[in-house]
Amino acid sequence: MDTKTTTEKTDEGTDASGTAEETAAVALDKKDTEPATAPIDADAAGDEAGDADRDDEDRDDEDEEPAAEAAPAPAGIGGAAAAVVSAALGAVALTGTWTGKVVSERETLLGQIKTSGTGTPAQQISEIYGDAWHSTALVNGVFALIALLVAVLVLVLPGRPAWVRAVAVAGAVLGGLGLLLSVGTYFDLFLSLPTAGS
């Protein structure tokens, strides 16, 4: 009875140990066939993701900066254009305009019509030449005044580049000189009209 029990226990132990060995062998086979995976470090993955995000943001900033530089503000373009226009108008006021020439010729023709056959020499001088000179001075003075006003407006507004302010100063100087000469010519301050006796 004791011998049988001992034999059965021995057989059961042998079976159990055999089963354990088979299980260990199967587990080793699975380890050999499955790909080795490295443990994932959460901190390293987070750092890599943060670096990638920062790189994307840097690239976006680099893309946006040239776009902002390439598109200047409309106010800057308007100020530069106004400064150039003021300088051009000031130069035109000094040299004369096509409009002034047309107005002068018109006044000459009207003077000839008014004084044809009946006008005295003084009337002819005043109507034919004096009115034409005054009309030219008036037109040039209008251009000079516009140039001066535009230049002052550009200089008063803040945030203009140095070259824009320099052009505006040139326009203001030319406009001021043109206005001075036009006023002097209109009121005969520089040269008076000739008289019939001379």
C-alpha atoms as a PDB file:
ATOM      1  CA  MET A   1       0.000   0.000   0.000  1.00  0.00           C
ATOM      2  CA  ASP A   2       2.760   2.411   0.899  1.00  0.00           C
ATOM      3  CA  THR A   3       4.832   1.285  -2.046  1.00  0.00           C
ATOM      4  CA  LYS A   4       1.957   1.947  -4.470  1.00  0.00           C
ATOM      5  CA  THR A   5       1.335   5.353  -3.064  1.00  0.00           C
ATOM      6  CA  THR A   6       4.993   6.222  -3.307  1.00  0.00           C
ATOM      7  CA  THR A   7       5.144   5.024  -6.914  1.00  0.00           C
ATOM      8  CA  GLU A   8       2.070   7.061  -7.884  1.00  0.00           C
ATOM      9  CA  LYS A   9       3.515  10.153  -6.237  1.00  0.00           C
ATOM     10  CA  THR A  10       6.766   9.653  -8.088  1.00  0.00           C
ATOM     11  CA  ASP A  11       4.945   9.280 -11.397  1.00  0.00           C
ATOM     12  CA  GLU A  12       2.913  12.413 -10.700  1.00  0.00           C
ATOM     13  CA  GLY A  13       6.079  14.368  -9.852  1.00  0.00           C
ATOM     14  CA  THR A  14       7.734  13.165 -13.017  1.00  0.00           C
ATOM     15  CA  ASP A  15       4.716  14.211 -15.069  1.00  0.00           C
ATOM     16  CA  ALA A  16       4.622  17.616 -13.382  1.00  0.00           C
ATOM     17  CA  SER A  17       8.308  18.210 -13.938  1.00  0.00           C
ATOM     18  CA  GLY A  18       7.984  17.112 -17.543  1.00  0.00           C
ATOM     19  CA  THR A  19       5.097  19.497 -18.084  1.00  0.00           C
ATOM     20  CA  ALA A  20       7.094  22.353 -16.540  1.00  0.00           C
ATOM     21  CA  GLU A  21      10.038  21.612 -18.801  1.00  0.00           C
ATOM     22  CA  GLU A  22       7.791  21.586 -21.870  1.00  0.00           C
ATOM     23  CA  THR A  23       6.246  24.902 -20.846  1.00  0.00           C
ATOM     24  CA  ALA A  24       9.690  26.475 -20.391  1.00  0.00           C
ATOM     25  CA  ALA A  25      10.790  25.194 -23.801  1.00  0.00           C
ATOM     26  CA  VAL A  26       7.711  26.664 -25.497  1.00  0.00           C
ATOM     27  CA  ALA A  27       8.320  30.009 -23.775  1.00  0.00           C
ATOM     28  CA  LEU A  28      11.943  30.026 -24.999  1.00  0.00           C
ATOM     29  CA  ASP A  29      10.808  29.278 -28.536  1.00  0.00           C
ATOM     30  CA  LYS A  30       8.376  32.184 -28.416  1.00  0.00           C
ATOM     31  CA  LYS A  31      11.093  34.522 -27.222  1.00  0.00           C
ATOM     32  CA  ASP A  32      13.344  33.468 -30.084  1.00  0.00           C
ATOM     33  CA  THR A  33      10.649  33.966 -32.721  1.00  0.00           C
ATOM     34  CA  GLU A  34       9.196  37.257 -31.450  1.00  0.00           C
ATOM     35  CA  PRO A  35      11.081  40.483 -32.443  1.00  0.00           C
ATOM     36  CA  ALA A  36      12.948  42.160 -29.657  1.00  0.00           C
ATOM     37  CA  THR A  37      11.337  45.396 -28.627  1.00  0.00           C
ATOM     38  CA  ALA A  38      13.193  48.014 -26.701  1.00  0.00           C
ATOM     39  CA  PRO A  39      11.388  49.595 -23.804  1.00  0.00           C
ATOM     40  CA  ILE A  40       9.873  52.955 -24.674  1.00  0.00           C
ATOM     41  CA  ASP A  41      11.134  55.841 -22.631  1.00  0.00           C
ATOM     42  CA  ALA A  42       8.207  58.243 -22.163  1.00  0.00           C
ATOM     43  CA  ASP A  43      10.454  61.194 -21.324  1.00  0.00           C
ATOM     44  CA  ALA A  44      12.627  60.713 -24.420  1.00  0.00           C
ATOM     45  CA  ALA A  45       9.554  60.404 -26.638  1.00  0.00           C
ATOM     46  CA  GLY A  46       8.149  63.598 -25.126  1.00  0.00           C
ATOM     47  CA  ASP A  47      11.438  65.450 -25.713  1.00  0.00           C
ATOM     48  CA  GLU A  48      11.562  64.309 -29.335  1.00  0.00           C
ATOM     49  CA  ALA A  49       7.978  65.429 -29.901  1.00  0.00           C
ATOM     50  CA  GLY A  50       8.736  68.808 -28.299  1.00  0.00           C
ATOM     51  CA  ASP A  51      11.836  69.243 -30.503  1.00  0.00           C
ATOM     52  CA  ALA A  52       9.794  68.417 -33.594  1.00  0.00           C
ATOM     53  CA  ASP A  53       7.133  70.971 -32.618  1.00  0.00           C
ATOM     54  CA  ARG A  54       9.792  73.640 -32.006  1.00  0.00           C
ATOM     55  CA  ASP A  55      11.377  72.891 -35.395  1.00  0.00           C
ATOM     56  CA  ASP A  56       7.977  73.265 -37.065  1.00  0.00           C
ATOM     57  CA  GLU A  57       7.387  76.570 -35.273  1.00  0.00           C
ATOM     58  CA  ASP A  58      10.835  77.845 -36.276  1.00  0.00           C
ATOM     59  CA  ARG A  59      10.162  76.935 -39.890  1.00  0.00           C
ATOM     60  CA  ASP A  60       6.785  78.677 -39.752  1.00  0.00           C
ATOM     61  CA  ASP A  61       8.398  81.803 -38.264  1.00  0.00           C
ATOM     62  CA  GLU A  62      11.080  81.791 -40.965  1.00  0.00           C
ATOM     63  CA  ASP A  63       8.383  81.478 -43.634  1.00  0.00           C
ATOM     64  CA  GLU A  64       6.325  84.299 -42.144  1.00  0.00           C
ATOM     65  CA  GLU A  65       9.210  86.764 -41.687  1.00  0.00           C
ATOM     66  CA  PRO A  66      10.133  87.056 -45.398  1.00  0.00           C
ATOM     67  CA  ALA A  67       6.457  87.372 -46.259  1.00  0.00           C
ATOM     68  CA  ALA A  68       6.085  90.276 -43.829  1.00  0.00           C
ATOM     69  CA  GLU A  69       9.231  91.917 -45.182  1.00  0.00           C
ATOM     70  CA  ALA A  70       8.169  91.420 -48.782  1.00  0.00           C
ATOM     71  CA  ALA A  71       4.803  93.123 -48.215  1.00  0.00           C
ATOM     72  CA  PRO A  72       5.433  96.649 -46.991  1.00  0.00           C
ATOM     73  CA  ALA A  73       2.721  98.622 -45.286  1.00  0.00           C
ATOM     74  CA  PRO A  74       0.367 100.582 -47.556  1.00  0.00           C
ATOM     75  CA  ALA A  75       1.011 103.676 -45.465  1.00  0.00           C
ATOM     76  CA  GLY A  76       4.723 103.488 -46.280  1.00  0.00           C
ATOM     77  CA  ILE A  77       4.047 103.215 -49.998  1.00  0.00           C
ATOM     78  CA  GLY A  78       1.612 106.144 -49.884  1.00  0.00           C
ATOM     79  CA  GLY A  79       4.078 108.337 -47.986  1.00  0.00           C
ATOM     80  CA  ALA A  80       6.884 107.572 -50.443  1.00  0.00           C
ATOM     81  CA  ALA A  81       4.638 108.283 -53.426  1.00  0.00           C
ATOM     82  CA  ALA A  82       3.446 111.555 -51.889  1.00  0.00           C
ATOM     83  CA  ALA A  83       7.030 112.670 -51.267  1.00  0.00           C
ATOM     84  CA  VAL A  84       8.001 111.992 -54.883  1.00  0.00           C
ATOM     85  CA  VAL A  85       4.878 113.782 -56.150  1.00  0.00           C
ATOM     86  CA  SER A  86       5.628 116.838 -54.019  1.00  0.00           C
ATOM     87  CA  ALA A  87       9.182 117.051 -55.400  1.00  0.00           C
ATOM     88  CA  ALA A  88       7.910 116.681 -58.963  1.00  0.00           C
ATOM     89  CA  LEU A  89       5.232 119.349 -58.487  1.00  0.00           C
ATOM     90  CA  GLY A  90       7.797 121.703 -56.961  1.00  0.00           C
ATOM     91  CA  ALA A  91      10.085 121.292 -59.979  1.00  0.00           C
ATOM     92  CA  VAL A  92       7.160 121.828 -62.352  1.00  0.00           C
ATOM     93  CA  ALA A  93       6.167 124.987 -60.511  1.00  0.00           C
ATOM     94  CA  LEU A  94       9.655 126.423 -61.113  1.00  0.00           C
ATOM     95  CA  THR A  95       9.996 125.423 -64.780  1.00  0.00           C
ATOM     96  CA  GLY A  96       6.424 126.009 -65.918  1.00  0.00           C
ATOM     97  CA  THR A  97       3.640 123.695 -67.044  1.00  0.00           C
ATOM     98  CA  TRP A  98       1.779 122.964 -70.230  1.00  0.00           C
ATOM     99  CA  THR A  99      -1.396 124.119 -68.510  1.00  0.00           C
ATOM    100  CA  GLY A 100       0.195 127.471 -67.702  1.00  0.00           C
ATOM    101  CA  LYS A 101       1.268 127.884 -71.315  1.00  0.00           C
ATOM    102  CA  VAL A 102      -2.227 127.173 -72.620  1.00  0.00           C
ATOM    103  CA  VAL A 103      -3.778 129.640 -70.160  1.00  0.00           C
ATOM    104  CA  SER A 104      -1.202 132.277 -71.122  1.00  0.00           C
ATOM    105  CA  GLU A 105      -1.904 131.914 -74.846  1.00  0.00           C
ATOM    106  CA  ARG A 106      -5.626 132.118 -74.173  1.00  0.00           C
ATOM    107  CA  GLU A 107      -5.213 135.388 -72.263  1.00  0.00           C
ATOM    108  CA  THR A 108      -3.051 136.775 -75.079  1.00  0.00           C
ATOM    109  CA  LEU A 109      -5.717 135.942 -77.653  1.00  0.00           C
ATOM    110  CA  LEU A 110      -8.460 137.511 -75.528  1.00  0.00           C
ATOM    111  CA  GLY A 111      -6.372 140.656 -75.110  1.00  0.00           C
ATOM    112  CA  GLN A 112      -5.868 140.932 -78.847  1.00  0.00           C
ATOM    113  CA  ILE A 113      -9.601 140.598 -79.419  1.00  0.00           C
ATOM    114  CA  LYS A 114     -10.461 143.247 -76.809  1.00  0.00           C
ATOM    115  CA  THR A 115      -7.980 145.823 -77.990  1.00  0.00           C
ATOM    116  CA  SER A 116      -8.098 145.252 -81.744  1.00  0.00           C
ATOM    117  CA  GLY A 117      -8.227 148.656 -83.474  1.00  0.00           C
ATOM    118  CA  THR A 118      -9.536 150.651 -80.519  1.00  0.00           C
ATOM    119  CA  GLY A 119      -7.212 149.978 -77.609  1.00  0.00           C
ATOM    120  CA  THR A 120      -4.510 152.333 -76.472  1.00  0.00           C
ATOM    121  CA  PRO A 121      -0.907 151.120 -76.190  1.00  0.00           C
ATOM    122  CA  ALA A 122      -1.221 150.884 -72.400  1.00  0.00           C
ATOM    123  CA  GLN A 123      -4.378 148.779 -72.733  1.00  0.00           C
ATOM    124  CA  GLN A 124      -2.731 146.521 -75.299  1.00  0.00           C
ATOM    125  CA  ILE A 125       0.270 145.967 -73.029  1.00  0.00           C
ATOM    126  CA  SER A 126      -1.940 145.195 -70.058  1.00  0.00           C
ATOM    127  CA  GLU A 127      -4.464 142.996 -71.872  1.00  0.00           C
ATOM    128  CA  ILE A 128      -2.127 141.106 -74.186  1.00  0.00           C
ATOM    129  CA  TYR A 129       1.023 140.697 -72.103  1.00  0.00           C
ATOM    130  CA  GLY A 130       0.193 141.553 -68.504  1.00  0.00           C
ATOM    131  CA  ASP A 131      -2.779 139.182 -68.194  1.00  0.00           C
ATOM    132  CA  ALA A 132      -0.860 136.364 -69.874  1.00  0.00           C
ATOM    133  CA  TRP A 133       2.075 136.730 -67.446  1.00  0.00           C
ATOM    134  CA  HIS A 134      -0.226 136.893 -64.450  1.00  0.00           C
ATOM    135  CA  SER A 135      -2.154 133.803 -65.601  1.00  0.00           C
ATOM    136  CA  THR A 136       1.075 131.822 -65.968  1.00  0.00           C
ATOM    137  CA  ALA A 137       2.219 132.933 -62.528  1.00  0.00           C
ATOM    138  CA  LEU A 138      -1.145 131.949 -61.054  1.00  0.00           C
ATOM    139  CA  VAL A 139      -1.058 128.422 -62.518  1.00  0.00           C
ATOM    140  CA  ASN A 140       2.537 127.872 -61.412  1.00  0.00           C
ATOM    141  CA  GLY A 141       1.667 129.190 -57.959  1.00  0.00           C
ATOM    142  CA  VAL A 142      -1.153 126.647 -57.625  1.00  0.00           C
ATOM    143  CA  PHE A 143       1.242 123.803 -58.464  1.00  0.00           C
ATOM    144  CA  ALA A 144       3.807 125.170 -56.013  1.00  0.00           C
ATOM    145  CA  LEU A 145       1.221 125.433 -53.247  1.00  0.00           C
ATOM    146  CA  ILE A 146       0.070 121.846 -53.788  1.00  0.00           C
ATOM    147  CA  ALA A 147       3.685 120.643 -53.716  1.00  0.00           C
ATOM    148  CA  LEU A 148       4.311 122.510 -50.469  1.00  0.00           C
ATOM    149  CA  LEU A 149       1.167 121.163 -48.776  1.00  0.00           C
ATOM    150  CA  VAL A 150       1.862 117.555 -49.786  1.00  0.00           C
ATOM    151  CA  ALA A 151       5.469 117.790 -48.594  1.00  0.00           C
ATOM    152  CA  VAL A 152       4.439 119.221 -45.235  1.00  0.00           C
ATOM    153  CA  LEU A 153       1.835 116.477 -44.826  1.00  0.00           C
ATOM    154  CA  VAL A 154       4.461 113.793 -45.434  1.00  0.00           C
ATOM    155  CA  LEU A 155       6.852 115.412 -42.961  1.00  0.00           C
ATOM    156  CA  VAL A 156       4.198 115.773 -40.245  1.00  0.00           C
ATOM    157  CA  LEU A 157       3.065 112.143 -40.336  1.00  0.00           C
ATOM    158  CA  PRO A 158       5.276 109.896 -38.137  1.00  0.00           C
ATOM    159  CA  GLY A 159       7.059 106.693 -39.056  1.00  0.00           C
ATOM    160  CA  ARG A 160       8.473 107.700 -42.430  1.00  0.00           C
ATOM    161  CA  PRO A 161      11.852 106.367 -43.603  1.00  0.00           C
ATOM    162  CA  ALA A 162      14.771 108.760 -43.862  1.00  0.00           C
ATOM    163  CA  TRP A 163      14.831 108.824 -47.663  1.00  0.00           C
ATOM    164  CA  VAL A 164      11.101 109.607 -47.822  1.00  0.00           C
ATOM    165  CA  ARG A 165      11.590 112.538 -45.464  1.00  0.00           C
ATOM    166  CA  ALA A 166      14.547 113.743 -47.542  1.00  0.00           C
ATOM    167  CA  VAL A 167      12.477 113.718 -50.740  1.00  0.00           C
ATOM    168  CA  ALA A 168       9.647 115.482 -48.918  1.00  0.00           C
ATOM    169  CA  VAL A 169      12.053 118.189 -47.729  1.00  0.00           C
ATOM    170  CA  ALA A 170      13.229 118.656 -51.323  1.00  0.00           C
ATOM    171  CA  GLY A 171       9.601 118.955 -52.443  1.00  0.00           C
ATOM    172  CA  ALA A 172       8.883 121.510 -49.724  1.00  0.00           C
ATOM    173  CA  VAL A 173      11.906 123.619 -50.724  1.00  0.00           C
ATOM    174  CA  LEU A 174      11.031 123.523 -54.424  1.00  0.00           C
ATOM    175  CA  GLY A 175       7.388 124.268 -53.681  1.00  0.00           C
ATOM    176  CA  GLY A 176       8.307 127.193 -51.443  1.00  0.00           C
ATOM    177  CA  LEU A 177      10.615 128.687 -54.070  1.00  0.00           C
ATOM    178  CA  GLY A 178       8.008 128.218 -56.789  1.00  0.00           C
ATOM    179  CA  LEU A 179       5.339 129.854 -54.641  1.00  0.00           C
ATOM    180  CA  LEU A 180       7.608 132.796 -53.875  1.00  0.00           C
ATOM    181  CA  LEU A 181       8.442 133.380 -57.537  1.00  0.00           C
ATOM    182  CA  SER A 182       4.816 133.013 -58.592  1.00  0.00           C
ATOM    183  CA  VAL A 183       3.597 135.564 -56.038  1.00  0.00           C
ATOM    184  CA  GLY A 184       6.342 137.999 -57.044  1.00  0.00           C
ATOM    185  CA  THR A 185       5.520 137.613 -60.734  1.00  0.00           C
ATOM    186  CA  TYR A 186       1.773 137.943 -60.202  1.00  0.00           C
ATOM    187  CA  PHE A 187       2.100 141.178 -58.251  1.00  0.00           C
ATOM    188  CA  ASP A 188       4.913 142.549 -60.479  1.00  0.00           C
ATOM    189  CA  LEU A 189       7.394 142.588 -57.604  1.00  0.00           C
ATOM    190  CA  PHE A 190      10.368 141.367 -59.626  1.00  0.00           C
ATOM    191  CA  LEU A 191       9.589 142.849 -63.045  1.00  0.00           C
ATOM    192  CA  SER A 192       6.968 145.471 -63.762  1.00  0.00           C
ATOM    193  CA  LEU A 193       5.037 145.773 -66.988  1.00  0.00           C
ATOM    194  CA  PRO A 194       6.594 148.128 -69.551  1.00  0.00           C
ATOM    195  CA  THR A 195       4.832 151.416 -70.218  1.00  0.00           C
ATOM    196  CA  ALA A 196       3.896 152.855 -73.604  1.00  0.00           C
ATOM    197  CA  GLY A 197       6.308 155.806 -73.219  1.00  0.00           C
ATOM    198  CA  SER A 198       9.321 153.532 -72.730  1.00  0.00           C
END
